[in-house]
Amino acid sequence: MRFIRAFRDFSSFHPIVYSLVIGVVLARIATSMSMPFLAIYLSKSTAMTPVEIGLVIGAGSLASTFGGFIGGNLSDRFGRRVIMFGALFSWSGVFVLFALVHHPMLFLLLNIMNGLCRSFFEPVSQALMADVTPPEKRMKMFSLRYLGANIGVAIGPLIGAYFGLSAGGNAFLITGVIYLLYSVGLYAVLQYFGIKQIEGNNKSKVKLGDSFRIVRKDVALRFFILGGITVGIGYSQMTVTLSQYLQANVVDGVILFAILMSVNAITVIVTQVPLSVLVERKSPLFGIHIGNIMFALGFIGFAISESTLAWIISMIVFTLGEIMNYPAGSMLMDRLAPEHLRGTYYGAQSFNSLGQFIGPSAGGLLMSAYSGTTMFIVMACVSLFASIWYTTGGRVHDKLAVKNGRKAFNSGV
């Protein structure tokens, strides 16, 4: 009965939530059928060296690390729709230009813009979804959004490979068109459901510099960001160094990596809703801690796996950690954020991307200097260490919450 009730709850969100979830699916399909092939596209269509290509690709992640905080603050001040549509329409143009330009510096600038558009749109869209969702349903809402994102990521590369889009700029043109069509459709939906009335006149008057000072003084938030960065260092090994390790050390390692990516996507799609039901009544920190433990067990499994079945089981365990950790992280930020600074706090989550910028280099150095086994074991320890940051942040928050008569995070753990 509990699961039936949960599925009924998933059908009771505001139409704006469903519009944004559908948009997440479409956006991830479009992005993942083009951006994973960016390095191949640049190597084929330009004379850029591998170092230059790495710089171009890394610049997008670095830009998104800082852009989310700026976009979140601007959405608090000027409204969600202004920032969202500015990001979406700009994003559409960025992808079209990817297919048309040829100069390395232009690719660098475009990928910086790509990172900024992503970091503006995603936290602001999350903040808008939270604006129209009752607090008791937000964990399910974040889980639904995360499920949609993974469905898109699972489908996109298959479409790109099937149509041979990785061979040229068509993938980027199609991605740009999809974003443009979605932007127009979302604009119509938000207008129909009265986005102006939903936003009202309760916009924050806190400027960017003031927001930065407020966030800087929030000690709990600083610890949570450190925890997110640490998790990102570990998680990035799954998408970057794992493929290199399998290619170098396992027969048909590339095929095995493709299988593991499919296992990751299928596990998310199948288990996301049931797991969200199990943890919805718990503290967000509960989900994060369990997720970190599952990450660590997955890494240990990667370190000792000697058969395809063992690799698949390890990936399932690792993915369960992903399902527990990431929606709970969004819920944690929702609980922490003051109403008038929700966009700013959601945007502050983009600082977590610094971990995904650091992680591949750190993992590569460990694998080169020692071995893949050592790298995986170290990353298991890194994942567990992240819980220390989160626990410390939770204690700081709870101490202030009890003092001010508010609910503590650790209740329900």
Protein backbone atom coordinates (compact mmCIF):
# COMPACT_ATOMS: atom_id res chain seq x y z
CA MET A 1 0.00 0.00 0.00
CA ARG A 2 2.84 2.37 0.81
CA PHE A 3 4.31 2.01 -2.67
CA ILE A 4 0.90 2.44 -4.31
CA ARG A 5 0.40 5.61 -2.29
CA ALA A 6 3.86 6.77 -3.31
CA PHE A 7 3.10 6.36 -7.01
CA ARG A 8 -0.17 8.26 -6.45
CA ASP A 9 1.85 11.06 -4.84
CA PHE A 10 4.12 11.16 -7.88
CA SER A 11 1.06 12.00 -10.00
CA SER A 12 -0.02 14.93 -7.82
CA PHE A 13 2.64 17.55 -8.52
CA HIS A 14 2.00 20.96 -10.03
CA PRO A 15 1.96 20.90 -13.87
CA ILE A 16 5.02 23.18 -13.86
CA VAL A 17 6.97 20.41 -12.12
CA TYR A 18 6.08 17.92 -14.87
CA SER A 19 6.94 20.49 -17.54
CA LEU A 20 10.38 20.96 -16.03
CA VAL A 21 10.94 17.22 -15.55
CA ILE A 22 10.04 16.62 -19.21
CA GLY A 23 12.43 19.43 -20.05
CA VAL A 24 15.18 17.74 -18.02
CA VAL A 25 14.62 14.51 -19.98
CA LEU A 26 14.73 16.32 -23.34
CA ALA A 27 17.71 18.44 -22.34
CA ARG A 28 19.72 15.44 -21.14
CA ILE A 29 18.84 13.47 -24.28
CA ALA A 30 19.97 16.36 -26.46
CA THR A 31 23.11 17.11 -24.45
CA SER A 32 24.19 13.50 -24.04
CA MET A 33 23.88 12.75 -27.76
CA SER A 34 26.32 15.57 -28.50
CA MET A 35 28.59 16.59 -25.61
CA PRO A 36 30.10 13.11 -24.94
CA PHE A 37 31.34 13.26 -28.54
CA LEU A 38 32.81 16.77 -28.24
CA ALA A 39 36.39 15.54 -27.87
CA ILE A 40 35.99 13.33 -30.96
CA TYR A 41 34.37 16.17 -32.89
CA LEU A 42 37.17 18.61 -32.01
CA SER A 43 39.90 16.13 -32.92
CA LYS A 44 38.29 15.48 -36.32
CA SER A 45 37.22 18.99 -37.26
CA THR A 46 40.13 21.05 -35.91
CA ALA A 47 43.90 20.86 -35.56
CA MET A 48 43.68 21.12 -31.76
CA THR A 49 46.08 19.04 -29.67
CA PRO A 50 44.80 16.67 -26.94
CA VAL A 51 45.92 19.20 -24.31
CA GLU A 52 43.94 21.98 -25.99
CA ILE A 53 40.88 19.73 -26.28
CA GLY A 54 41.17 18.87 -22.59
CA LEU A 55 41.34 22.55 -21.73
CA VAL A 56 38.22 23.30 -23.79
CA ILE A 57 36.23 20.48 -22.17
CA GLY A 58 37.44 21.28 -18.64
CA ALA A 59 36.57 24.96 -19.04
CA GLY A 60 32.86 24.13 -19.18
CA SER A 61 32.94 22.33 -15.84
CA LEU A 62 34.99 25.10 -14.25
CA ALA A 63 32.56 27.77 -15.47
CA SER A 64 29.56 25.86 -14.12
CA THR A 65 31.27 25.61 -10.72
CA PHE A 66 30.89 29.33 -10.15
CA GLY A 67 28.01 30.18 -12.48
CA GLY A 68 25.29 28.46 -10.46
CA PHE A 69 25.71 30.74 -7.46
CA ILE A 70 25.46 33.84 -9.66
CA GLY A 71 22.42 32.52 -11.56
CA GLY A 72 20.69 31.47 -8.35
CA ASN A 73 21.15 34.90 -6.81
CA LEU A 74 19.90 36.64 -9.96
CA SER A 75 16.80 34.41 -9.95
CA ASP A 76 16.04 35.44 -6.36
CA ARG A 77 16.32 39.09 -7.36
CA PHE A 78 14.71 39.18 -10.81
CA GLY A 79 12.52 36.05 -10.88
CA ARG A 80 13.01 32.45 -11.98
CA ARG A 81 11.57 32.80 -15.49
CA VAL A 82 13.86 35.67 -16.56
CA ILE A 83 17.03 33.75 -15.70
CA MET A 84 15.72 30.39 -16.93
CA PHE A 85 14.70 31.64 -20.35
CA GLY A 86 17.81 33.75 -20.72
CA ALA A 87 19.85 30.59 -20.08
CA LEU A 88 17.72 28.34 -22.32
CA PHE A 89 17.67 30.60 -25.37
CA SER A 90 21.39 31.32 -24.98
CA TRP A 91 22.06 27.59 -24.61
CA SER A 92 20.27 26.92 -27.87
CA GLY A 93 22.50 29.42 -29.66
CA VAL A 94 25.64 27.95 -28.08
CA PHE A 95 24.94 24.48 -29.49
CA VAL A 96 24.19 25.82 -32.96
CA LEU A 97 27.47 27.73 -32.92
CA PHE A 98 29.36 24.58 -31.87
CA ALA A 99 28.47 23.19 -35.30
CA LEU A 100 29.46 26.34 -37.19
CA VAL A 101 32.72 27.65 -35.70
CA HIS A 102 36.24 26.31 -36.30
CA HIS A 103 38.65 28.43 -34.25
CA PRO A 104 39.93 26.83 -30.98
CA MET A 105 39.39 30.05 -28.99
CA LEU A 106 35.75 30.15 -30.10
CA PHE A 107 35.25 26.55 -28.95
CA LEU A 108 36.76 27.51 -25.59
CA LEU A 109 34.40 30.49 -25.22
CA LEU A 110 31.40 28.41 -26.33
CA ASN A 111 32.07 25.68 -23.79
CA ILE A 112 32.46 28.29 -21.07
CA MET A 113 29.04 29.61 -22.14
CA ASN A 114 27.73 26.04 -22.16
CA GLY A 115 28.85 25.60 -18.54
CA LEU A 116 27.35 28.93 -17.51
CA CYS A 117 23.99 28.23 -19.19
CA ARG A 118 23.80 24.83 -17.54
CA SER A 119 24.71 26.24 -14.13
CA PHE A 120 22.15 29.05 -14.51
CA PHE A 121 19.28 26.83 -15.68
CA GLU A 122 19.55 23.76 -13.44
CA PRO A 123 19.58 25.36 -9.95
CA VAL A 124 16.97 27.92 -10.96
CA SER A 125 14.67 25.25 -12.37
CA GLN A 126 15.08 23.26 -9.14
CA ALA A 127 14.22 26.37 -7.12
CA LEU A 128 11.07 26.93 -9.22
CA MET A 129 10.03 23.30 -8.76
CA ALA A 130 10.43 23.73 -5.01
CA ASP A 131 8.45 27.00 -5.14
CA VAL A 132 5.36 25.15 -6.43
CA THR A 133 5.78 21.96 -4.35
CA PRO A 134 4.75 21.56 -0.68
CA PRO A 135 7.77 20.86 1.59
CA GLU A 136 6.55 17.35 2.46
CA LYS A 137 6.59 16.34 -1.23
CA ARG A 138 9.92 17.84 -2.23
CA MET A 139 11.98 14.69 -1.66
CA LYS A 140 9.75 12.85 -4.15
CA MET A 141 9.97 15.81 -6.50
CA PHE A 142 13.79 15.80 -6.43
CA SER A 143 13.77 12.03 -6.97
CA LEU A 144 11.44 12.42 -9.96
CA ARG A 145 13.72 15.06 -11.45
CA TYR A 146 16.80 12.88 -10.92
CA LEU A 147 14.98 9.93 -12.53
CA GLY A 148 14.14 12.09 -15.56
CA ALA A 149 17.76 13.22 -15.89
CA ASN A 150 19.00 9.64 -15.91
CA ILE A 151 16.42 8.52 -18.46
CA GLY A 152 17.71 11.29 -20.73
CA VAL A 153 21.33 10.33 -20.18
CA ALA A 154 20.51 6.68 -20.92
CA ILE A 155 18.75 7.48 -24.21
CA GLY A 156 20.88 10.33 -25.61
CA PRO A 157 24.14 8.52 -26.44
CA LEU A 158 22.20 5.68 -28.08
CA ILE A 159 20.45 8.14 -30.38
CA GLY A 160 23.74 9.84 -31.17
CA ALA A 161 25.42 6.54 -31.99
CA TYR A 162 22.46 5.18 -33.96
CA PHE A 163 22.24 8.16 -36.26
CA GLY A 164 26.00 8.56 -36.49
CA LEU A 165 25.73 12.05 -35.05
CA SER A 166 29.16 11.85 -33.49
CA ALA A 167 30.75 12.07 -36.94
CA GLY A 168 30.02 15.75 -37.46
CA GLY A 169 28.30 18.89 -36.24
CA ASN A 170 24.74 17.66 -36.82
CA ALA A 171 24.46 16.51 -33.21
CA PHE A 172 25.06 20.05 -31.99
CA LEU A 173 22.60 21.55 -34.48
CA ILE A 174 19.90 19.08 -33.42
CA THR A 175 20.65 19.77 -29.75
CA GLY A 176 20.29 23.51 -30.34
CA VAL A 177 16.94 23.02 -32.11
CA ILE A 178 15.64 20.80 -29.28
CA TYR A 179 16.57 23.44 -26.71
CA LEU A 180 14.90 26.16 -28.77
CA LEU A 181 11.66 24.17 -29.13
CA TYR A 182 11.66 23.32 -25.45
CA SER A 183 12.25 26.97 -24.53
CA VAL A 184 9.22 28.06 -26.55
CA GLY A 185 7.07 25.24 -25.16
CA LEU A 186 8.09 25.91 -21.56
CA TYR A 187 7.41 29.63 -21.98
CA ALA A 188 3.85 28.83 -23.13
CA VAL A 189 3.28 26.42 -20.22
CA LEU A 190 4.55 28.85 -17.59
CA GLN A 191 2.45 31.66 -19.01
CA TYR A 192 -0.64 29.41 -19.04
CA PHE A 193 -0.20 28.42 -15.39
CA GLY A 194 0.45 31.98 -14.25
CA ILE A 195 4.15 32.12 -13.53
CA LYS A 196 3.93 35.87 -12.88
CA GLN A 197 1.37 35.27 -10.13
CA ILE A 198 3.43 32.41 -8.68
CA GLU A 199 6.54 34.58 -8.53
CA GLY A 200 4.56 37.53 -7.19
CA ASN A 201 6.41 40.54 -5.89
CA ASN A 202 8.37 38.70 -3.19
CA LYS A 203 11.70 38.96 -4.96
CA SER A 204 14.81 39.24 -2.85
CA LYS A 205 16.59 42.58 -2.69
CA VAL A 206 19.85 40.95 -1.61
CA LYS A 207 22.60 41.74 -4.11
CA LEU A 208 25.26 39.28 -5.26
CA GLY A 209 27.95 40.59 -2.91
CA ASP A 210 25.57 40.52 0.04
CA SER A 211 24.46 36.97 -0.87
CA PHE A 212 28.07 35.85 -0.98
CA ARG A 213 28.64 37.29 2.49
CA ILE A 214 25.50 35.57 3.81
CA VAL A 215 26.54 32.22 2.35
CA ARG A 216 30.10 32.67 3.56
CA LYS A 217 28.82 33.14 7.12
CA ASP A 218 26.67 30.00 6.91
CA VAL A 219 29.12 27.55 8.46
CA ALA A 220 26.84 24.55 7.93
CA LEU A 221 26.57 25.33 4.21
CA ARG A 222 30.36 25.53 3.91
CA PHE A 223 30.72 22.04 5.40
CA PHE A 224 27.99 20.68 3.11
CA ILE A 225 29.75 22.15 0.08
CA LEU A 226 33.02 20.54 1.19
CA GLY A 227 31.13 17.26 1.50
CA GLY A 228 29.69 17.68 -2.01
CA ILE A 229 33.12 18.45 -3.47
CA THR A 230 34.56 15.36 -1.79
CA VAL A 231 31.74 13.17 -3.12
CA GLY A 232 32.33 14.65 -6.59
CA ILE A 233 36.02 13.69 -6.47
CA GLY A 234 35.00 10.08 -5.92
CA TYR A 235 32.01 9.98 -8.25
CA SER A 236 33.96 11.37 -11.20
CA GLN A 237 36.08 8.20 -11.27
CA MET A 238 33.03 6.28 -12.51
CA THR A 239 32.72 8.46 -15.60
CA VAL A 240 36.41 9.04 -16.38
CA THR A 241 39.10 6.81 -14.87
CA LEU A 242 36.98 3.64 -14.73
CA SER A 243 36.86 3.50 -18.54
CA GLN A 244 40.63 3.97 -18.77
CA TYR A 245 41.23 1.24 -16.21
CA LEU A 246 38.95 -1.25 -17.97
CA GLN A 247 40.44 -0.49 -21.38
CA ALA A 248 43.99 -1.11 -20.09
CA ASN A 249 43.40 -4.06 -17.78
CA VAL A 250 40.36 -6.05 -18.92
CA VAL A 251 39.82 -8.02 -22.13
CA ASP A 252 37.14 -6.18 -24.14
CA GLY A 253 37.21 -3.50 -21.46
CA VAL A 254 35.50 -0.91 -23.65
CA ILE A 255 32.55 -3.25 -24.17
CA LEU A 256 32.41 -3.95 -20.43
CA PHE A 257 32.40 -0.22 -19.70
CA ALA A 258 29.45 0.27 -22.07
CA ILE A 259 27.61 -2.55 -20.27
CA LEU A 260 28.32 -0.95 -16.89
CA MET A 261 27.00 2.42 -18.07
CA SER A 262 23.79 0.69 -19.15
CA VAL A 263 23.60 -1.09 -15.78
CA ASN A 264 23.99 2.29 -14.08
CA ALA A 265 21.13 3.84 -16.06
CA ILE A 266 18.80 0.82 -15.69
CA THR A 267 19.42 0.63 -11.93
CA VAL A 268 18.47 4.28 -11.53
CA ILE A 269 15.31 3.90 -13.61
CA VAL A 270 14.16 0.72 -11.81
CA THR A 271 15.02 1.59 -8.18
CA GLN A 272 14.68 5.39 -7.94
CA VAL A 273 10.99 5.48 -6.93
CA PRO A 274 11.07 2.58 -4.40
CA LEU A 275 14.20 3.92 -2.71
CA SER A 276 12.76 7.44 -2.48
CA VAL A 277 9.75 5.95 -0.66
CA LEU A 278 12.01 4.19 1.85
CA VAL A 279 13.99 7.31 2.78
CA GLU A 280 11.39 10.07 2.41
CA ARG A 281 10.63 10.16 6.14
CA LYS A 282 14.30 10.23 7.08
CA SER A 283 16.64 13.18 7.37
CA PRO A 284 18.43 14.15 4.13
CA LEU A 285 21.67 13.40 5.96
CA PHE A 286 20.53 9.79 6.37
CA GLY A 287 20.29 9.38 2.59
CA ILE A 288 23.66 11.06 2.08
CA HIS A 289 25.46 8.87 4.63
CA ILE A 290 23.94 5.65 3.25
CA GLY A 291 24.83 6.84 -0.25
CA ASN A 292 28.45 7.44 0.74
CA ILE A 293 28.67 3.96 2.25
CA MET A 294 27.30 2.46 -0.97
CA PHE A 295 29.80 4.50 -3.01
CA ALA A 296 32.63 3.09 -0.87
CA LEU A 297 31.37 -0.49 -1.21
CA GLY A 298 31.07 -0.01 -4.97
CA PHE A 299 34.66 1.24 -5.20
CA ILE A 300 35.90 -1.73 -3.16
CA GLY A 301 33.99 -3.97 -5.55
CA PHE A 302 35.71 -2.29 -8.51
CA ALA A 303 39.08 -2.89 -6.82
CA ILE A 304 38.58 -6.65 -6.38
CA SER A 305 36.32 -7.59 -9.33
CA GLU A 306 37.67 -10.30 -11.60
CA SER A 307 34.55 -11.31 -13.53
CA THR A 308 31.87 -9.52 -15.53
CA LEU A 309 29.23 -10.46 -12.93
CA ALA A 310 31.34 -8.98 -10.13
CA TRP A 311 31.75 -5.74 -12.09
CA ILE A 312 28.00 -5.55 -12.67
CA ILE A 313 27.18 -6.16 -8.99
CA SER A 314 29.72 -3.52 -7.97
CA MET A 315 28.16 -1.02 -10.37
CA ILE A 316 24.68 -1.74 -9.01
CA VAL A 317 25.91 -1.07 -5.47
CA PHE A 318 27.69 2.11 -6.60
CA THR A 319 24.54 3.30 -8.40
CA LEU A 320 22.40 2.74 -5.30
CA GLY A 321 24.75 5.16 -3.56
CA GLU A 322 24.17 7.67 -6.36
CA ILE A 323 20.39 7.31 -6.02
CA MET A 324 20.53 7.82 -2.25
CA ASN A 325 23.04 10.67 -2.26
CA TYR A 326 22.12 13.15 -4.97
CA PRO A 327 18.37 13.73 -4.39
CA ALA A 328 19.07 13.87 -0.65
CA GLY A 329 21.71 16.55 -1.33
CA SER A 330 19.11 18.69 -3.10
CA MET A 331 16.66 18.15 -0.24
CA LEU A 332 19.36 19.11 2.26
CA MET A 333 19.89 22.40 0.45
CA ASP A 334 16.13 22.98 0.36
CA ARG A 335 15.90 22.54 4.14
CA LEU A 336 18.87 24.81 4.71
CA ALA A 337 17.88 27.69 2.40
CA PRO A 338 15.97 30.75 3.63
CA GLU A 339 12.84 31.29 1.50
CA HIS A 340 14.08 34.54 -0.06
CA LEU A 341 17.48 33.00 -0.92
CA ARG A 342 16.42 29.59 -2.20
CA GLY A 343 17.86 30.19 -5.67
CA THR A 344 21.14 31.40 -4.20
CA TYR A 345 21.50 28.32 -2.00
CA TYR A 346 20.57 25.95 -4.81
CA GLY A 347 23.12 27.76 -6.95
CA ALA A 348 25.74 27.29 -4.25
CA GLN A 349 25.46 23.55 -4.92
CA SER A 350 27.27 24.18 -8.21
CA PHE A 351 30.46 24.62 -6.16
CA ASN A 352 30.25 20.82 -5.77
CA SER A 353 31.28 20.59 -9.44
CA LEU A 354 34.78 21.53 -8.31
CA GLY A 355 35.09 17.92 -7.13
CA GLN A 356 34.28 16.63 -10.61
CA PHE A 357 36.93 19.00 -11.99
CA ILE A 358 39.59 17.80 -9.51
CA GLY A 359 38.59 14.12 -9.47
CA PRO A 360 39.73 12.92 -12.90
CA SER A 361 43.22 14.38 -12.47
CA ALA A 362 43.55 13.00 -8.94
CA GLY A 363 42.34 9.56 -10.02
CA GLY A 364 44.61 9.55 -13.05
CA LEU A 365 47.64 10.43 -10.92
CA LEU A 366 46.86 7.66 -8.42
CA MET A 367 46.35 5.12 -11.21
CA SER A 368 49.61 6.14 -12.93
CA ALA A 369 51.71 6.24 -9.77
CA TYR A 370 50.32 3.11 -8.12
CA SER A 371 47.52 1.06 -9.69
CA GLY A 372 43.83 1.08 -10.44
CA THR A 373 43.20 -1.10 -7.38
CA THR A 374 44.92 1.44 -5.14
CA MET A 375 42.99 4.28 -6.79
CA PHE A 376 39.62 2.60 -6.16
CA ILE A 377 40.46 1.87 -2.52
CA VAL A 378 41.59 5.46 -1.95
CA MET A 379 38.35 6.70 -3.53
CA ALA A 380 36.36 4.42 -1.23
CA CYS A 381 38.04 6.19 1.69
CA VAL A 382 37.38 9.59 0.08
CA SER A 383 33.65 8.74 -0.20
CA LEU A 384 33.48 7.81 3.48
CA PHE A 385 35.46 10.91 4.43
CA ALA A 386 32.76 13.06 2.79
CA SER A 387 30.38 11.97 5.56
CA ILE A 388 32.63 13.67 8.11
CA TRP A 389 32.02 17.03 6.40
CA TYR A 390 28.28 16.38 6.24
CA THR A 391 28.11 15.25 9.88
CA THR A 392 29.99 18.33 11.03
CA GLY A 393 27.74 20.59 8.98
CA GLY A 394 24.66 18.84 10.38
CA ARG A 395 25.83 19.35 13.96
CA VAL A 396 26.52 23.04 13.34
CA HIS A 397 23.06 23.47 11.79
CA ASP A 398 21.28 21.48 14.51
CA LYS A 399 22.93 23.44 17.29
CA LEU A 400 21.61 26.69 15.81
CA ALA A 401 18.24 25.11 14.95
CA VAL A 402 17.62 23.98 18.51
CA LYS A 403 18.68 27.39 19.78
CA ASN A 404 16.21 29.12 17.43
CA GLY A 405 13.37 26.62 17.90
CA ARG A 406 13.62 25.09 14.39
CA LYS A 407 13.72 21.44 13.29
CA ALA A 408 17.12 19.76 13.36
CA PHE A 409 18.46 17.73 10.42
CA ASN A 410 19.50 14.77 12.52
CA SER A 411 15.98 14.10 13.75
CA GLY A 412 14.80 10.99 11.96
CA VAL A 413 18.30 9.66 11.18
